[in-house]
Amino acid sequence: MLPVQITVRDMSISLALETTIRKYAEKLQRYYDRILSCHVVIKVSQKRKHQGKLFDVHIDLTIPKKAFVVTHKQDQKIYIAIHKAFDAMGRQLEEYTCKRYGRLKKHPDMMREYVDESH
C-alpha cells in the first residue's frame, strides 16, 4: 500500500475527498511501482473575494534516488484541482519511466495516407 500523507490548510477534509486523493495516489503506481511516499497539500486561498474560494494542490512524491513536485494553483473546484495535479504527476512519472527504461510512449495508431504521384 502506498504511503500517502494528506495535509489540508484553512478547511476541513471529508472522507470522500480523502478517499479520492488516495485513489489518485494509488493509480500513480501504474507509471512507477516503487513509490516511497506521496504527500498532498491542499490550501484554500481567497485572494479575490468576488471569485470565492480557490484551491491549490501541491504534491511531493519520492521514489528511490529522485523526487517529483507538482503544484496546481487556484482552481475553483477542489476535485478538478486534485485531478489536474495528479494528472500532471502521472505525466512526470511516465516521462521519467520512459527515459529510464528506454520505453516509448504508446500512442494510438495514426492513419497514414499515401499519395501516388506517378500520374
PDB file of N, CA and C in Angstrom:
ATOM      1  N   MET A   1       0.846  -1.186   0.000  1.00  0.00           N
ATOM      2  CA  MET A   1       0.000   0.000   0.000  1.00  0.00           C
ATOM      3  C   MET A   1       0.890   1.247   0.000  1.00  0.00           C
ATOM      4  N   LEU A   2       0.536   2.181  -0.836  1.00  0.00           N
ATOM      5  CA  LEU A   2       1.306   3.413  -0.992  1.00  0.00           C
ATOM      6  C   LEU A   2       1.116   4.322   0.224  1.00  0.00           C
ATOM      7  N   PRO A   3       2.214   4.759   0.858  1.00  0.00           N
ATOM      8  CA  PRO A   3       2.081   5.689   1.990  1.00  0.00           C
ATOM      9  C   PRO A   3       1.718   7.096   1.485  1.00  0.00           C
ATOM     10  N   VAL A   4       0.508   7.537   1.816  1.00  0.00           N
ATOM     11  CA  VAL A   4       0.019   8.848   1.389  1.00  0.00           C
ATOM     12  C   VAL A   4      -0.230   9.697   2.626  1.00  0.00           C
ATOM     13  N   GLN A   5       0.364  10.869   2.636  1.00  0.00           N
ATOM     14  CA  GLN A   5       0.122  11.832   3.717  1.00  0.00           C
ATOM     15  C   GLN A   5      -0.675  12.981   3.119  1.00  0.00           C
ATOM     16  N   ILE A   6      -1.760  13.359   3.780  1.00  0.00           N
ATOM     17  CA  ILE A   6      -2.617  14.436   3.292  1.00  0.00           C
ATOM     18  C   ILE A   6      -2.634  15.551   4.328  1.00  0.00           C
ATOM     19  N   THR A   7      -2.299  16.755   3.878  1.00  0.00           N
ATOM     20  CA  THR A   7      -2.338  17.934   4.741  1.00  0.00           C
ATOM     21  C   THR A   7      -3.313  18.923   4.123  1.00  0.00           C
ATOM     22  N   VAL A   8      -4.240  19.409   4.935  1.00  0.00           N
ATOM     23  CA  VAL A   8      -5.233  20.366   4.458  1.00  0.00           C
ATOM     24  C   VAL A   8      -5.122  21.621   5.306  1.00  0.00           C
ATOM     25  N   ARG A   9      -5.060  22.767   4.620  1.00  0.00           N
ATOM     26  CA  ARG A   9      -4.931  24.040   5.331  1.00  0.00           C
ATOM     27  C   ARG A   9      -6.154  24.899   5.059  1.00  0.00           C
ATOM     28  N   ASP A  10      -6.657  25.543   6.096  1.00  0.00           N
ATOM     29  CA  ASP A  10      -7.754  26.500   6.015  1.00  0.00           C
ATOM     30  C   ASP A  10      -9.078  25.874   5.600  1.00  0.00           C
ATOM     31  N   MET A  11      -9.240  24.571   5.812  1.00  0.00           N
ATOM     32  CA  MET A  11     -10.507  23.897   5.537  1.00  0.00           C
ATOM     33  C   MET A  11     -10.478  22.527   6.206  1.00  0.00           C
ATOM     34  N   SER A  12     -11.615  21.875   6.255  1.00  0.00           N
ATOM     35  CA  SER A  12     -11.656  20.511   6.779  1.00  0.00           C
ATOM     36  C   SER A  12     -11.754  19.555   5.592  1.00  0.00           C
ATOM     37  N   ILE A  13     -11.402  18.307   5.840  1.00  0.00           N
ATOM     38  CA  ILE A  13     -11.411  17.317   4.763  1.00  0.00           C
ATOM     39  C   ILE A  13     -12.507  16.293   5.019  1.00  0.00           C
ATOM     40  N   SER A  14     -13.252  15.985   3.986  1.00  0.00           N
ATOM     41  CA  SER A  14     -14.300  14.977   4.103  1.00  0.00           C
ATOM     42  C   SER A  14     -13.708  13.602   3.798  1.00  0.00           C
ATOM     43  N   LEU A  15     -14.417  12.573   4.204  1.00  0.00           N
ATOM     44  CA  LEU A  15     -13.986  11.213   3.917  1.00  0.00           C
ATOM     45  C   LEU A  15     -13.956  10.975   2.405  1.00  0.00           C
ATOM     46  N   ALA A  16     -14.933  11.529   1.685  1.00  0.00           N
ATOM     47  CA  ALA A  16     -14.983  11.375   0.225  1.00  0.00           C
ATOM     48  C   ALA A  16     -13.763  12.006  -0.434  1.00  0.00           C
ATOM     49  N   LEU A  17     -13.365  13.179   0.028  1.00  0.00           N
ATOM     50  CA  LEU A  17     -12.197  13.857  -0.534  1.00  0.00           C
ATOM     51  C   LEU A  17     -10.921  13.073  -0.240  1.00  0.00           C
ATOM     52  N   GLU A  18     -10.792  12.597   0.979  1.00  0.00           N
ATOM     53  CA  GLU A  18      -9.614  11.799   1.347  1.00  0.00           C
ATOM     54  C   GLU A  18      -9.550  10.517   0.518  1.00  0.00           C
ATOM     55  N   THR A  19     -10.677   9.866   0.328  1.00  0.00           N
ATOM     56  CA  THR A  19     -10.734   8.640  -0.473  1.00  0.00           C
ATOM     57  C   THR A  19     -10.326   8.916  -1.916  1.00  0.00           C
ATOM     58  N   THR A  20     -10.803  10.031  -2.477  1.00  0.00           N
ATOM     59  CA  THR A  20     -10.461  10.410  -3.846  1.00  0.00           C
ATOM     60  C   THR A  20      -8.962  10.613  -3.987  1.00  0.00           C
ATOM     61  N   ILE A  21      -8.364  11.329  -3.047  1.00  0.00           N
ATOM     62  CA  ILE A  21      -6.920  11.586  -3.085  1.00  0.00           C
ATOM     63  C   ILE A  21      -6.140  10.273  -3.026  1.00  0.00           C
ATOM     64  N   ARG A  22      -6.538   9.380  -2.140  1.00  0.00           N
ATOM     65  CA  ARG A  22      -5.836   8.104  -2.003  1.00  0.00           C
ATOM     66  C   ARG A  22      -5.966   7.247  -3.270  1.00  0.00           C
ATOM     67  N   LYS A  23      -7.119   7.291  -3.918  1.00  0.00           N
ATOM     68  CA  LYS A  23      -7.306   6.535  -5.166  1.00  0.00           C
ATOM     69  C   LYS A  23      -6.415   7.077  -6.272  1.00  0.00           C
ATOM     70  N   TYR A  24      -6.355   8.401  -6.400  1.00  0.00           N
ATOM     71  CA  TYR A  24      -5.464   9.010  -7.394  1.00  0.00           C
ATOM     72  C   TYR A  24      -4.010   8.638  -7.122  1.00  0.00           C
ATOM     73  N   ALA A  25      -3.618   8.664  -5.857  1.00  0.00           N
ATOM     74  CA  ALA A  25      -2.238   8.328  -5.493  1.00  0.00           C
ATOM     75  C   ALA A  25      -1.927   6.869  -5.842  1.00  0.00           C
ATOM     76  N   GLU A  26      -2.844   5.967  -5.556  1.00  0.00           N
ATOM     77  CA  GLU A  26      -2.639   4.552  -5.881  1.00  0.00           C
ATOM     78  C   GLU A  26      -2.478   4.351  -7.387  1.00  0.00           C
ATOM     79  N   LYS A  27      -3.218   5.110  -8.182  1.00  0.00           N
ATOM     80  CA  LYS A  27      -3.145   4.980  -9.639  1.00  0.00           C
ATOM     81  C   LYS A  27      -1.775   5.388 -10.182  1.00  0.00           C
ATOM     82  N   LEU A  28      -1.049   6.210  -9.434  1.00  0.00           N
ATOM     83  CA  LEU A  28       0.286   6.612  -9.884  1.00  0.00           C
ATOM     84  C   LEU A  28       1.233   5.428  -9.994  1.00  0.00           C
ATOM     85  N   GLN A  29       0.932   4.362  -9.274  1.00  0.00           N
ATOM     86  CA  GLN A  29       1.806   3.190  -9.293  1.00  0.00           C
ATOM     87  C   GLN A  29       1.786   2.471 -10.636  1.00  0.00           C
ATOM     88  N   ARG A  30       0.840   2.776 -11.503  1.00  0.00           N
ATOM     89  CA  ARG A  30       0.861   2.159 -12.836  1.00  0.00           C
ATOM     90  C   ARG A  30       1.994   2.761 -13.681  1.00  0.00           C
ATOM     91  N   TYR A  31       2.475   3.958 -13.296  1.00  0.00           N
ATOM     92  CA  TYR A  31       3.590   4.585 -14.002  1.00  0.00           C
ATOM     93  C   TYR A  31       4.933   4.179 -13.412  1.00  0.00           C
ATOM     94  N   TYR A  32       4.959   4.002 -12.103  1.00  0.00           N
ATOM     95  CA  TYR A  32       6.203   3.607 -11.426  1.00  0.00           C
ATOM     96  C   TYR A  32       5.798   2.882 -10.152  1.00  0.00           C
ATOM     97  N   ASP A  33       6.196   1.638 -10.012  1.00  0.00           N
ATOM     98  CA  ASP A  33       5.683   0.808  -8.923  1.00  0.00           C
ATOM     99  C   ASP A  33       6.493   0.839  -7.630  1.00  0.00           C
ATOM    100  N   ARG A  34       7.539   1.649  -7.595  1.00  0.00           N
ATOM    101  CA  ARG A  34       8.352   1.716  -6.366  1.00  0.00           C
ATOM    102  C   ARG A  34       8.286   3.101  -5.721  1.00  0.00           C
ATOM    103  N   ILE A  35       7.108   3.658  -5.626  1.00  0.00           N
ATOM    104  CA  ILE A  35       6.924   4.962  -4.995  1.00  0.00           C
ATOM    105  C   ILE A  35       7.125   4.795  -3.490  1.00  0.00           C
ATOM    106  N   LEU A  36       7.964   5.651  -2.921  1.00  0.00           N
ATOM    107  CA  LEU A  36       8.254   5.578  -1.490  1.00  0.00           C
ATOM    108  C   LEU A  36       7.269   6.378  -0.650  1.00  0.00           C
ATOM    109  N   SER A  37       6.896   7.564  -1.145  1.00  0.00           N
ATOM    110  CA  SER A  37       5.958   8.397  -0.380  1.00  0.00           C
ATOM    111  C   SER A  37       5.256   9.382  -1.304  1.00  0.00           C
ATOM    112  N   CYS A  38       4.100   9.808  -0.842  1.00  0.00           N
ATOM    113  CA  CYS A  38       3.316  10.797  -1.574  1.00  0.00           C
ATOM    114  C   CYS A  38       2.678  11.724  -0.538  1.00  0.00           C
ATOM    115  N   HIS A  39       3.027  13.005  -0.613  1.00  0.00           N
ATOM    116  CA  HIS A  39       2.488  13.996   0.325  1.00  0.00           C
ATOM    117  C   HIS A  39       1.662  14.993  -0.478  1.00  0.00           C
ATOM    118  N   VAL A  40       0.387  15.109  -0.141  1.00  0.00           N
ATOM    119  CA  VAL A  40      -0.534  16.008  -0.833  1.00  0.00           C
ATOM    120  C   VAL A  40      -0.929  17.123   0.129  1.00  0.00           C
ATOM    121  N   VAL A  41      -0.753  18.371  -0.314  1.00  0.00           N
ATOM    122  CA  VAL A  41      -1.133  19.527   0.492  1.00  0.00           C
ATOM    123  C   VAL A  41      -2.202  20.301  -0.268  1.00  0.00           C
ATOM    124  N   ILE A  42      -3.319  20.555   0.402  1.00  0.00           N
ATOM    125  CA  ILE A  42      -4.401  21.341  -0.195  1.00  0.00           C
ATOM    126  C   ILE A  42      -4.572  22.596   0.636  1.00  0.00           C
ATOM    127  N   LYS A  43      -4.553  23.739  -0.061  1.00  0.00           N
ATOM    128  CA  LYS A  43      -4.732  25.036   0.597  1.00  0.00           C
ATOM    129  C   LYS A  43      -5.898  25.768  -0.044  1.00  0.00           C
ATOM    130  N   VAL A  44      -6.550  26.573   0.758  1.00  0.00           N
ATOM    131  CA  VAL A  44      -7.592  27.462   0.240  1.00  0.00           C
ATOM    132  C   VAL A  44      -7.013  28.862   0.231  1.00  0.00           C
ATOM    133  N   SER A  45      -7.094  29.504  -0.927  1.00  0.00           N
ATOM    134  CA  SER A  45      -6.667  30.900  -0.973  1.00  0.00           C
ATOM    135  C   SER A  45      -7.870  31.734  -1.376  1.00  0.00           C
ATOM    136  N   GLN A  46      -7.982  32.876  -0.780  1.00  0.00           N
ATOM    137  CA  GLN A  46      -9.106  33.770  -1.052  1.00  0.00           C
ATOM    138  C   GLN A  46      -8.561  35.132  -1.447  1.00  0.00           C
ATOM    139  N   LYS A  47      -7.813  35.156  -2.519  1.00  0.00           N
ATOM    140  CA  LYS A  47      -7.198  36.409  -2.941  1.00  0.00           C
ATOM    141  C   LYS A  47      -8.222  37.397  -3.471  1.00  0.00           C
ATOM    142  N   ARG A  48      -9.218  36.868  -4.182  1.00  0.00           N
ATOM    143  CA  ARG A  48     -10.247  37.741  -4.738  1.00  0.00           C
ATOM    144  C   ARG A  48     -11.593  37.357  -4.151  1.00  0.00           C
ATOM    145  N   LYS A  49     -12.173  38.242  -3.416  1.00  0.00           N
ATOM    146  CA  LYS A  49     -13.421  37.947  -2.724  1.00  0.00           C
ATOM    147  C   LYS A  49     -14.563  37.629  -3.695  1.00  0.00           C
ATOM    148  N   HIS A  50     -14.609  38.285  -4.843  1.00  0.00           N
ATOM    149  CA  HIS A  50     -15.732  38.080  -5.756  1.00  0.00           C
ATOM    150  C   HIS A  50     -15.665  36.733  -6.481  1.00  0.00           C
ATOM    151  N   GLN A  51     -14.521  36.073  -6.488  1.00  0.00           N
ATOM    152  CA  GLN A  51     -14.402  34.781  -7.139  1.00  0.00           C
ATOM    153  C   GLN A  51     -14.721  33.626  -6.207  1.00  0.00           C
ATOM    154  N   GLY A  52     -14.747  33.855  -4.933  1.00  0.00           N
ATOM    155  CA  GLY A  52     -14.948  32.762  -3.993  1.00  0.00           C
ATOM    156  C   GLY A  52     -13.636  32.075  -3.676  1.00  0.00           C
ATOM    157  N   LYS A  53     -13.742  30.852  -3.164  1.00  0.00           N
ATOM    158  CA  LYS A  53     -12.553  30.105  -2.759  1.00  0.00           C
ATOM    159  C   LYS A  53     -11.813  29.562  -3.969  1.00  0.00           C
ATOM    160  N   LEU A  54     -10.506  29.582  -3.862  1.00  0.00           N
ATOM    161  CA  LEU A  54      -9.645  28.992  -4.866  1.00  0.00           C
ATOM    162  C   LEU A  54      -8.773  27.955  -4.170  1.00  0.00           C
ATOM    163  N   PHE A  55      -8.617  26.797  -4.781  1.00  0.00           N
ATOM    164  CA  PHE A  55      -7.885  25.699  -4.166  1.00  0.00           C
ATOM    165  C   PHE A  55      -6.541  25.493  -4.849  1.00  0.00           C
ATOM    166  N   ASP A  56      -5.515  25.315  -4.039  1.00  0.00           N
ATOM    167  CA  ASP A  56      -4.172  24.993  -4.512  1.00  0.00           C
ATOM    168  C   ASP A  56      -3.862  23.566  -4.072  1.00  0.00           C
ATOM    169  N   VAL A  57      -3.332  22.748  -4.981  1.00  0.00           N
ATOM    170  CA  VAL A  57      -2.946  21.375  -4.657  1.00  0.00           C
ATOM    171  C   VAL A  57      -1.462  21.217  -4.967  1.00  0.00           C
ATOM    172  N   HIS A  58      -0.721  20.755  -3.986  1.00  0.00           N
ATOM    173  CA  HIS A  58       0.728  20.560  -4.108  1.00  0.00           C
ATOM    174  C   HIS A  58       1.017  19.089  -3.793  1.00  0.00           C
ATOM    175  N   ILE A  59       1.752  18.423  -4.666  1.00  0.00           N
ATOM    176  CA  ILE A  59       2.094  17.014  -4.454  1.00  0.00           C
ATOM    177  C   ILE A  59       3.611  16.860  -4.458  1.00  0.00           C
ATOM    178  N   ASP A  60       4.132  16.247  -3.399  1.00  0.00           N
ATOM    179  CA  ASP A  60       5.539  15.844  -3.318  1.00  0.00           C
ATOM    180  C   ASP A  60       5.560  14.321  -3.355  1.00  0.00           C
ATOM    181  N   LEU A  61       6.287  13.774  -4.303  1.00  0.00           N
ATOM    182  CA  LEU A  61       6.335  12.326  -4.454  1.00  0.00           C
ATOM    183  C   LEU A  61       7.794  11.898  -4.531  1.00  0.00           C
ATOM    184  N   THR A  62       8.140  10.848  -3.796  1.00  0.00           N
ATOM    185  CA  THR A  62       9.524  10.370  -3.831  1.00  0.00           C
ATOM    186  C   THR A  62       9.568   8.918  -4.289  1.00  0.00           C
ATOM    187  N   ILE A  63      10.602   8.643  -5.077  1.00  0.00           N
ATOM    188  CA  ILE A  63      10.941   7.300  -5.488  1.00  0.00           C
ATOM    189  C   ILE A  63      12.419   7.138  -5.152  1.00  0.00           C
ATOM    190  N   PRO A  64      12.961   5.936  -5.256  1.00  0.00           N
ATOM    191  CA  PRO A  64      14.389   5.796  -4.939  1.00  0.00           C
ATOM    192  C   PRO A  64      15.252   6.752  -5.781  1.00  0.00           C
ATOM    193  N   LYS A  65      16.036   7.566  -5.116  1.00  0.00           N
ATOM    194  CA  LYS A  65      17.007   8.491  -5.714  1.00  0.00           C
ATOM    195  C   LYS A  65      16.396   9.655  -6.500  1.00  0.00           C
ATOM    196  N   LYS A  66      15.105   9.916  -6.348  1.00  0.00           N
ATOM    197  CA  LYS A  66      14.500  11.013  -7.109  1.00  0.00           C
ATOM    198  C   LYS A  66      13.236  11.502  -6.395  1.00  0.00           C
ATOM    199  N   ALA A  67      12.955  12.795  -6.580  1.00  0.00           N
ATOM    200  CA  ALA A  67      11.729  13.397  -6.037  1.00  0.00           C
ATOM    201  C   ALA A  67      11.040  14.184  -7.145  1.00  0.00           C
ATOM    202  N   PHE A  68       9.735  14.212  -7.095  1.00  0.00           N
ATOM    203  CA  PHE A  68       8.924  14.954  -8.056  1.00  0.00           C
ATOM    204  C   PHE A  68       8.010  15.903  -7.293  1.00  0.00           C
ATOM    205  N   VAL A  69       7.747  17.062  -7.892  1.00  0.00           N
ATOM    206  CA  VAL A  69       6.876  18.058  -7.275  1.00  0.00           C
ATOM    207  C   VAL A  69       5.916  18.589  -8.330  1.00  0.00           C
ATOM    208  N   VAL A  70       4.660  18.701  -7.945  1.00  0.00           N
ATOM    209  CA  VAL A  70       3.639  19.308  -8.805  1.00  0.00           C
ATOM    210  C   VAL A  70       2.834  20.271  -7.964  1.00  0.00           C
ATOM    211  N   THR A  71       2.551  21.438  -8.521  1.00  0.00           N
ATOM    212  CA  THR A  71       1.658  22.392  -7.870  1.00  0.00           C
ATOM    213  C   THR A  71       0.623  22.834  -8.884  1.00  0.00           C
ATOM    214  N   HIS A  72      -0.629  22.631  -8.531  1.00  0.00           N
ATOM    215  CA  HIS A  72      -1.712  23.147  -9.371  1.00  0.00           C
ATOM    216  C   HIS A  72      -2.362  24.273  -8.578  1.00  0.00           C
ATOM    217  N   LYS A  73      -2.313  25.471  -9.108  1.00  0.00           N
ATOM    218  CA  LYS A  73      -2.763  26.638  -8.358  1.00  0.00           C
ATOM    219  C   LYS A  73      -4.108  27.151  -8.828  1.00  0.00           C
ATOM    220  N   GLN A  74      -4.892  27.479  -7.864  1.00  0.00           N
ATOM    221  CA  GLN A  74      -6.099  28.276  -7.985  1.00  0.00           C
ATOM    222  C   GLN A  74      -7.139  27.770  -8.968  1.00  0.00           C
ATOM    223  N   ASP A  75      -7.771  26.695  -8.557  1.00  0.00           N
ATOM    224  CA  ASP A  75      -8.935  26.204  -9.273  1.00  0.00           C
ATOM    225  C   ASP A  75     -10.122  26.368  -8.330  1.00  0.00           C
ATOM    226  N   GLN A  76     -11.275  26.733  -8.866  1.00  0.00           N
ATOM    227  CA  GLN A  76     -12.446  26.964  -8.030  1.00  0.00           C
ATOM    228  C   GLN A  76     -13.086  25.669  -7.548  1.00  0.00           C
ATOM    229  N   LYS A  77     -12.820  24.577  -8.221  1.00  0.00           N
ATOM    230  CA  LYS A  77     -13.399  23.292  -7.831  1.00  0.00           C
ATOM    231  C   LYS A  77     -12.291  22.382  -7.337  1.00  0.00           C
ATOM    232  N   ILE A  78     -12.433  21.950  -6.103  1.00  0.00           N
ATOM    233  CA  ILE A  78     -11.360  21.185  -5.466  1.00  0.00           C
ATOM    234  C   ILE A  78     -11.077  19.871  -6.172  1.00  0.00           C
ATOM    235  N   TYR A  79     -12.119  19.175  -6.616  1.00  0.00           N
ATOM    236  CA  TYR A  79     -11.899  17.887  -7.271  1.00  0.00           C
ATOM    237  C   TYR A  79     -11.185  18.059  -8.612  1.00  0.00           C
ATOM    238  N   ILE A  80     -11.451  19.146  -9.304  1.00  0.00           N
ATOM    239  CA  ILE A  80     -10.759  19.424 -10.561  1.00  0.00           C
ATOM    240  C   ILE A  80      -9.292  19.753 -10.291  1.00  0.00           C
ATOM    241  N   ALA A  81      -9.038  20.532  -9.253  1.00  0.00           N
ATOM    242  CA  ALA A  81      -7.649  20.865  -8.889  1.00  0.00           C
ATOM    243  C   ALA A  81      -6.869  19.600  -8.546  1.00  0.00           C
ATOM    244  N   ILE A  82      -7.486  18.701  -7.807  1.00  0.00           N
ATOM    245  CA  ILE A  82      -6.831  17.441  -7.439  1.00  0.00           C
ATOM    246  C   ILE A  82      -6.568  16.601  -8.688  1.00  0.00           C
ATOM    247  N   HIS A  83      -7.570  16.484  -9.537  1.00  0.00           N
ATOM    248  CA  HIS A  83      -7.427  15.703 -10.772  1.00  0.00           C
ATOM    249  C   HIS A  83      -6.281  16.240 -11.638  1.00  0.00           C
ATOM    250  N   LYS A  84      -6.244  17.556 -11.821  1.00  0.00           N
ATOM    251  CA  LYS A  84      -5.202  18.159 -12.665  1.00  0.00           C
ATOM    252  C   LYS A  84      -3.813  17.961 -12.068  1.00  0.00           C
ATOM    253  N   ALA A  85      -3.699  18.080 -10.752  1.00  0.00           N
ATOM    254  CA  ALA A  85      -2.396  17.897 -10.098  1.00  0.00           C
ATOM    255  C   ALA A  85      -1.913  16.456 -10.249  1.00  0.00           C
ATOM    256  N   PHE A  86      -2.794  15.484 -10.014  1.00  0.00           N
ATOM    257  CA  PHE A  86      -2.391  14.087 -10.154  1.00  0.00           C
ATOM    258  C   PHE A  86      -2.135  13.720 -11.612  1.00  0.00           C
ATOM    259  N   ASP A  87      -2.871  14.318 -12.526  1.00  0.00           N
ATOM    260  CA  ASP A  87      -2.634  14.086 -13.945  1.00  0.00           C
ATOM    261  C   ASP A  87      -1.231  14.567 -14.324  1.00  0.00           C
ATOM    262  N   ALA A  88      -0.856  15.747 -13.841  1.00  0.00           N
ATOM    263  CA  ALA A  88       0.487  16.285 -14.116  1.00  0.00           C
ATOM    264  C   ALA A  88       1.560  15.391 -13.497  1.00  0.00           C
ATOM    265  N   MET A  89       1.309  14.878 -12.299  1.00  0.00           N
ATOM    266  CA  MET A  89       2.275  13.986 -11.649  1.00  0.00           C
ATOM    267  C   MET A  89       2.405  12.687 -12.444  1.00  0.00           C
ATOM    268  N   GLY A  90       1.304  12.171 -12.933  1.00  0.00           N
ATOM    269  CA  GLY A  90       1.340  10.960 -13.743  1.00  0.00           C
ATOM    270  C   GLY A  90       2.174  11.148 -14.999  1.00  0.00           C
ATOM    271  N   ARG A  91       2.036  12.314 -15.632  1.00  0.00           N
ATOM    272  CA  ARG A  91       2.830  12.604 -16.832  1.00  0.00           C
ATOM    273  C   ARG A  91       4.321  12.655 -16.497  1.00  0.00           C
ATOM    274  N   GLN A  92       4.667  13.258 -15.354  1.00  0.00           N
ATOM    275  CA  GLN A  92       6.081  13.312 -14.947  1.00  0.00           C
ATOM    276  C   GLN A  92       6.637  11.913 -14.723  1.00  0.00           C
ATOM    277  N   LEU A  93       5.881  11.075 -14.021  1.00  0.00           N
ATOM    278  CA  LEU A  93       6.343   9.714 -13.752  1.00  0.00           C
ATOM    279  C   LEU A  93       6.456   8.900 -15.038  1.00  0.00           C
ATOM    280  N   GLU A  94       5.485   9.063 -15.927  1.00  0.00           N
ATOM    281  CA  GLU A  94       5.511   8.340 -17.195  1.00  0.00           C
ATOM    282  C   GLU A  94       6.735   8.749 -18.018  1.00  0.00           C
ATOM    283  N   GLU A  95       7.006  10.038 -18.077  1.00  0.00           N
ATOM    284  CA  GLU A  95       8.167  10.528 -18.817  1.00  0.00           C
ATOM    285  C   GLU A  95       9.461   9.996 -18.217  1.00  0.00           C
ATOM    286  N   TYR A  96       9.553  10.025 -16.892  1.00  0.00           N
ATOM    287  CA  TYR A  96      10.743   9.513 -16.209  1.00  0.00           C
ATOM    288  C   TYR A  96      10.945   8.029 -16.517  1.00  0.00           C
ATOM    289  N   THR A  97       9.869   7.260 -16.419  1.00  0.00           N
ATOM    290  CA  THR A  97       9.947   5.826 -16.671  1.00  0.00           C
ATOM    291  C   THR A  97      10.360   5.545 -18.108  1.00  0.00           C
ATOM    292  N   CYS A  98       9.788   6.287 -19.039  1.00  0.00           N
ATOM    293  CA  CYS A  98      10.142   6.104 -20.451  1.00  0.00           C
ATOM    294  C   CYS A  98      11.621   6.380 -20.689  1.00  0.00           C
ATOM    295  N   LYS A  99      12.128   7.453 -20.102  1.00  0.00           N
ATOM    296  CA  LYS A  99      13.542   7.792 -20.271  1.00  0.00           C
ATOM    297  C   LYS A  99      14.446   6.774 -19.581  1.00  0.00           C
ATOM    298  N   ARG A 100      14.073   6.389 -18.388  1.00  0.00           N
ATOM    299  CA  ARG A 100      14.918   5.489 -17.606  1.00  0.00           C
ATOM    300  C   ARG A 100      15.014   4.095 -18.224  1.00  0.00           C
ATOM    301  N   TYR A 101      13.900   3.589 -18.703  1.00  0.00           N
ATOM    302  CA  TYR A 101      13.883   2.222 -19.214  1.00  0.00           C
ATOM    303  C   TYR A 101      13.853   2.150 -20.735  1.00  0.00           C
ATOM    304  N   GLY A 102      13.975   3.297 -21.387  1.00  0.00           N
ATOM    305  CA  GLY A 102      14.041   3.318 -22.834  1.00  0.00           C
ATOM    306  C   GLY A 102      12.755   2.919 -23.528  1.00  0.00           C
ATOM    307  N   ARG A 103      11.644   3.096 -22.839  1.00  0.00           N
ATOM    308  CA  ARG A 103      10.354   2.757 -23.439  1.00  0.00           C
ATOM    309  C   ARG A 103       9.820   3.948 -24.203  1.00  0.00           C
ATOM    310  N   LEU A 104       9.099   3.658 -25.226  1.00  0.00           N
ATOM    311  CA  LEU A 104       8.416   4.707 -25.963  1.00  0.00           C
ATOM    312  C   LEU A 104       6.997   4.816 -25.452  1.00  0.00           C
ATOM    313  N   LYS A 105       6.468   6.018 -25.440  1.00  0.00           N
ATOM    314  CA  LYS A 105       5.073   6.203 -25.080  1.00  0.00           C
ATOM    315  C   LYS A 105       4.208   5.563 -26.139  1.00  0.00           C
ATOM    316  N   LYS A 106       3.119   4.977 -25.699  1.00  0.00           N
ATOM    317  CA  LYS A 106       2.199   4.353 -26.637  1.00  0.00           C
ATOM    318  C   LYS A 106       1.158   5.366 -27.070  1.00  0.00           C
ATOM    319  N   HIS A 107       1.049   5.539 -28.359  1.00  0.00           N
ATOM    320  CA  HIS A 107       0.042   6.430 -28.918  1.00  0.00           C
ATOM    321  C   HIS A 107      -0.857   5.611 -29.827  1.00  0.00           C
ATOM    322  N   PRO A 108      -2.108   6.006 -29.953  1.00  0.00           N
ATOM    323  CA  PRO A 108      -2.979   5.274 -30.873  1.00  0.00           C
ATOM    324  C   PRO A 108      -2.393   5.298 -32.279  1.00  0.00           C
ATOM    325  N   ASP A 109      -2.631   4.214 -33.001  1.00  0.00           N
ATOM    326  CA  ASP A 109      -2.137   4.164 -34.383  1.00  0.00           C
ATOM    327  C   ASP A 109      -2.694   5.333 -35.167  1.00  0.00           C
ATOM    328  N   MET A 110      -1.792   5.968 -35.875  1.00  0.00           N
ATOM    329  CA  MET A 110      -2.207   7.099 -36.687  1.00  0.00           C
ATOM    330  C   MET A 110      -2.576   6.588 -38.073  1.00  0.00           C
ATOM    331  N   MET A 111      -3.572   7.197 -38.653  1.00  0.00           N
ATOM    332  CA  MET A 111      -3.955   6.836 -40.003  1.00  0.00           C
ATOM    333  C   MET A 111      -2.932   7.447 -40.958  1.00  0.00           C
ATOM    334  N   ARG A 112      -2.474   6.641 -41.873  1.00  0.00           N
ATOM    335  CA  ARG A 112      -1.490   7.131 -42.827  1.00  0.00           C
ATOM    336  C   ARG A 112      -2.113   7.140 -44.210  1.00  0.00           C
ATOM    337  N   GLU A 113      -1.779   8.147 -44.960  1.00  0.00           N
ATOM    338  CA  GLU A 113      -2.289   8.269 -46.321  1.00  0.00           C
ATOM    339  C   GLU A 113      -1.094   8.320 -47.261  1.00  0.00           C
ATOM    340  N   TYR A 114      -1.148   7.519 -48.269  1.00  0.00           N
ATOM    341  CA  TYR A 114      -0.080   7.516 -49.258  1.00  0.00           C
ATOM    342  C   TYR A 114      -0.593   8.150 -50.551  1.00  0.00           C
ATOM    343  N   VAL A 115       0.209   8.964 -51.127  1.00  0.00           N
ATOM    344  CA  VAL A 115      -0.172   9.649 -52.356  1.00  0.00           C
ATOM    345  C   VAL A 115       0.672   9.084 -53.495  1.00  0.00           C
ATOM    346  N   ASP A 116       0.004   8.628 -54.524  1.00  0.00           N
ATOM    347  CA  ASP A 116       0.698   8.097 -55.696  1.00  0.00           C
ATOM    348  C   ASP A 116       0.904   9.253 -56.667  1.00  0.00           C
ATOM    349  N   GLU A 117       2.132   9.691 -56.808  1.00  0.00           N
ATOM    350  CA  GLU A 117       2.426  10.853 -57.653  1.00  0.00           C
ATOM    351  C   GLU A 117       2.909  10.441 -59.039  1.00  0.00           C
ATOM    352  N   SER A 118       2.707   9.205 -59.421  1.00  0.00           N
ATOM    353  CA  SER A 118       3.182   8.737 -60.715  1.00  0.00           C
ATOM    354  C   SER A 118       2.280   9.160 -61.876  1.00  0.00           C
ATOM    355  N   HIS A 119       1.121   9.695 -61.606  1.00  0.00           N
ATOM    356  CA  HIS A 119       0.185  10.086 -62.677  1.00  0.00           C
ATOM    357  C   HIS A 119       0.427  11.472 -63.150  1.00  0.00           C
TER     358      HIS A 119
END
